Amino acid sequence: MQRGHQRRPSVLADPQRFVGYRMAMRLHITLDDALVAELDRRAGARERSRFIAAAVRRVLAEQAGWEAIESALGQLDAVGHDWDDDPAAWVRAQRSAADRRVG
């Protein structure tokens, strides 16, 4: 090693320093040519990764929402609710209570 010359750190030793992520991760995604052309038209060739990441986040959030809805199905008892005798009266009462809170 020459005097005054420092050895450059390895990218593998600290990927966050070089990539900007806590952990460097790459995926191989295969898309047909028409889909890539539409992606480029909408997002631009230099913004593919950002667009795909946003799309994946949105779909995952949507799926989580549906999972929460599905897990709630059947959680209410079939009878014994304030609205059982007269649902329309119960709705009117809820609406008038909301009007008083807002006003």
C-alpha atoms as a PDB file:
ATOM      1  CA  MET A   1       0.000   0.000   0.000  1.00  0.00           C
ATOM      2  CA  GLN A   2       1.304   3.422  -0.898  1.00  0.00           C
ATOM      3  CA  ARG A   3       1.926   6.026   1.739  1.00  0.00           C
ATOM      4  CA  GLY A   4      -1.125   8.265   2.210  1.00  0.00           C
ATOM      5  CA  HIS A   5      -3.320   5.929   0.169  1.00  0.00           C
ATOM      6  CA  GLN A   6      -6.313   4.623   2.076  1.00  0.00           C
ATOM      7  CA  ARG A   7      -7.981   1.375   1.157  1.00  0.00           C
ATOM      8  CA  ARG A   8     -11.518   1.920  -0.118  1.00  0.00           C
ATOM      9  CA  PRO A   9     -14.186   0.197   1.976  1.00  0.00           C
ATOM     10  CA  SER A  10     -16.109  -2.635   0.397  1.00  0.00           C
ATOM     11  CA  VAL A  11     -19.695  -2.020  -0.732  1.00  0.00           C
ATOM     12  CA  LEU A  12     -20.600  -5.357   0.832  1.00  0.00           C
ATOM     13  CA  ALA A  13     -19.242  -4.256   4.202  1.00  0.00           C
ATOM     14  CA  ASP A  14     -21.681  -1.310   4.415  1.00  0.00           C
ATOM     15  CA  PRO A  15     -24.364  -1.330   1.685  1.00  0.00           C
ATOM     16  CA  GLN A  16     -26.344   1.486   3.336  1.00  0.00           C
ATOM     17  CA  ARG A  17     -23.425   3.865   2.880  1.00  0.00           C
ATOM     18  CA  PHE A  18     -23.332   3.245  -0.843  1.00  0.00           C
ATOM     19  CA  VAL A  19     -26.941   2.509  -1.751  1.00  0.00           C
ATOM     20  CA  GLY A  20     -28.880   4.606   0.746  1.00  0.00           C
ATOM     21  CA  TYR A  21     -30.870   1.672   2.088  1.00  0.00           C
ATOM     22  CA  ARG A  22     -30.673  -0.114   5.369  1.00  0.00           C
ATOM     23  CA  MET A  23     -30.237  -3.304   3.371  1.00  0.00           C
ATOM     24  CA  ALA A  24     -29.560  -3.488  -0.345  1.00  0.00           C
ATOM     25  CA  MET A  25     -32.142  -5.656  -2.078  1.00  0.00           C
ATOM     26  CA  ARG A  26     -32.749  -6.337  -5.730  1.00  0.00           C
ATOM     27  CA  LEU A  27     -35.553  -8.210  -7.405  1.00  0.00           C
ATOM     28  CA  HIS A  28     -35.791  -9.658 -10.848  1.00  0.00           C
ATOM     29  CA  ILE A  29     -39.228  -8.838 -12.260  1.00  0.00           C
ATOM     30  CA  THR A  30     -40.235  -9.982 -15.717  1.00  0.00           C
ATOM     31  CA  LEU A  31     -42.695  -7.737 -17.568  1.00  0.00           C
ATOM     32  CA  ASP A  32     -43.824  -8.043 -21.169  1.00  0.00           C
ATOM     33  CA  ASP A  33     -42.782  -5.347 -23.633  1.00  0.00           C
ATOM     34  CA  ALA A  34     -46.224  -3.713 -23.801  1.00  0.00           C
ATOM     35  CA  LEU A  35     -46.344  -3.372 -20.014  1.00  0.00           C
ATOM     36  CA  VAL A  36     -42.852  -1.851 -19.899  1.00  0.00           C
ATOM     37  CA  ALA A  37     -43.820   0.594 -22.662  1.00  0.00           C
ATOM     38  CA  GLU A  38     -46.908   1.674 -20.684  1.00  0.00           C
ATOM     39  CA  LEU A  39     -44.835   1.943 -17.506  1.00  0.00           C
ATOM     40  CA  ASP A  40     -42.290   4.136 -19.292  1.00  0.00           C
ATOM     41  CA  ARG A  41     -45.054   6.287 -20.773  1.00  0.00           C
ATOM     42  CA  ARG A  42     -46.591   6.900 -17.352  1.00  0.00           C
ATOM     43  CA  ALA A  43     -43.556   7.016 -15.073  1.00  0.00           C
ATOM     44  CA  GLY A  44     -40.532   7.443 -17.324  1.00  0.00           C
ATOM     45  CA  ALA A  45     -37.722   4.970 -17.837  1.00  0.00           C
ATOM     46  CA  ARG A  46     -35.702   6.506 -14.980  1.00  0.00           C
ATOM     47  CA  GLU A  47     -38.605   6.223 -12.521  1.00  0.00           C
ATOM     48  CA  ARG A  48     -39.592   2.583 -13.033  1.00  0.00           C
ATOM     49  CA  SER A  49     -38.413   1.377  -9.637  1.00  0.00           C
ATOM     50  CA  ARG A  50     -40.116   4.174  -7.727  1.00  0.00           C
ATOM     51  CA  PHE A  51     -43.378   3.608  -9.618  1.00  0.00           C
ATOM     52  CA  ILE A  52     -43.284  -0.166  -9.057  1.00  0.00           C
ATOM     53  CA  ALA A  53     -42.469   0.291  -5.353  1.00  0.00           C
ATOM     54  CA  ALA A  54     -45.430   2.676  -4.943  1.00  0.00           C
ATOM     55  CA  ALA A  55     -47.720   0.232  -6.761  1.00  0.00           C
ATOM     56  CA  VAL A  56     -46.601  -2.662  -4.544  1.00  0.00           C
ATOM     57  CA  ARG A  57     -47.108  -0.555  -1.389  1.00  0.00           C
ATOM     58  CA  ARG A  58     -50.613   0.388  -2.543  1.00  0.00           C
ATOM     59  CA  VAL A  59     -51.602  -3.221  -3.307  1.00  0.00           C
ATOM     60  CA  LEU A  60     -50.186  -4.485  -0.002  1.00  0.00           C
ATOM     61  CA  ALA A  61     -52.115  -1.800   1.916  1.00  0.00           C
ATOM     62  CA  GLU A  62     -55.289  -2.726   0.030  1.00  0.00           C
ATOM     63  CA  GLN A  63     -54.818  -6.409   0.815  1.00  0.00           C
ATOM     64  CA  ALA A  64     -54.200  -5.611   4.489  1.00  0.00           C
ATOM     65  CA  GLY A  65     -57.454  -3.634   4.530  1.00  0.00           C
ATOM     66  CA  TRP A  66     -59.402  -6.534   3.040  1.00  0.00           C
ATOM     67  CA  GLU A  67     -57.787  -8.936   5.534  1.00  0.00           C
ATOM     68  CA  ALA A  68     -58.978  -6.679   8.377  1.00  0.00           C
ATOM     69  CA  ILE A  69     -62.494  -6.586   6.924  1.00  0.00           C
ATOM     70  CA  GLU A  70     -62.585 -10.355   6.465  1.00  0.00           C
ATOM     71  CA  SER A  71     -61.324 -10.951   9.999  1.00  0.00           C
ATOM     72  CA  ALA A  72     -64.182  -8.784  11.330  1.00  0.00           C
ATOM     73  CA  LEU A  73     -66.869 -10.769   9.511  1.00  0.00           C
ATOM     74  CA  GLY A  74     -69.094 -12.627  11.926  1.00  0.00           C
ATOM     75  CA  GLN A  75     -67.767 -10.789  14.978  1.00  0.00           C
ATOM     76  CA  LEU A  76     -71.109  -9.170  15.873  1.00  0.00           C
ATOM     77  CA  ASP A  77     -73.743 -11.258  17.550  1.00  0.00           C
ATOM     78  CA  ALA A  78     -76.802 -11.948  15.402  1.00  0.00           C
ATOM     79  CA  VAL A  79     -79.192 -10.361  17.932  1.00  0.00           C
ATOM     80  CA  GLY A  80     -79.135  -7.994  20.890  1.00  0.00           C
ATOM     81  CA  HIS A  81     -78.317  -4.709  19.169  1.00  0.00           C
ATOM     82  CA  ASP A  82     -79.854  -1.281  19.717  1.00  0.00           C
ATOM     83  CA  TRP A  83     -81.043  -1.312  16.093  1.00  0.00           C
ATOM     84  CA  ASP A  84     -82.737  -4.728  16.117  1.00  0.00           C
ATOM     85  CA  ASP A  85     -86.299  -3.545  16.809  1.00  0.00           C
ATOM     86  CA  ASP A  86     -86.392  -0.576  14.404  1.00  0.00           C
ATOM     87  CA  PRO A  87     -83.256   0.005  12.298  1.00  0.00           C
ATOM     88  CA  ALA A  88     -84.663   3.158  10.644  1.00  0.00           C
ATOM     89  CA  ALA A  89     -85.386   4.776  14.026  1.00  0.00           C
ATOM     90  CA  TRP A  90     -81.896   3.870  15.208  1.00  0.00           C
ATOM     91  CA  VAL A  91     -80.356   5.499  12.089  1.00  0.00           C
ATOM     92  CA  ARG A  92     -82.456   8.664  12.577  1.00  0.00           C
ATOM     93  CA  ALA A  93     -81.352   8.854  16.197  1.00  0.00           C
ATOM     94  CA  GLN A  94     -77.705   8.497  15.174  1.00  0.00           C
ATOM     95  CA  ARG A  95     -78.053  11.241  12.566  1.00  0.00           C
ATOM     96  CA  SER A  96     -79.705  13.670  14.994  1.00  0.00           C
ATOM     97  CA  ALA A  97     -77.024  12.947  17.581  1.00  0.00           C
ATOM     98  CA  ALA A  98     -74.362  13.737  14.959  1.00  0.00           C
ATOM     99  CA  ASP A  99     -76.148  16.992  14.019  1.00  0.00           C
ATOM    100  CA  ARG A 100     -76.026  18.132  17.663  1.00  0.00           C
ATOM    101  CA  ARG A 101     -72.299  17.391  17.923  1.00  0.00           C
ATOM    102  CA  VAL A 102     -71.391  19.283  14.752  1.00  0.00           C
ATOM    103  CA  GLY A 103     -73.656  22.311  15.299  1.00  0.00           C
END
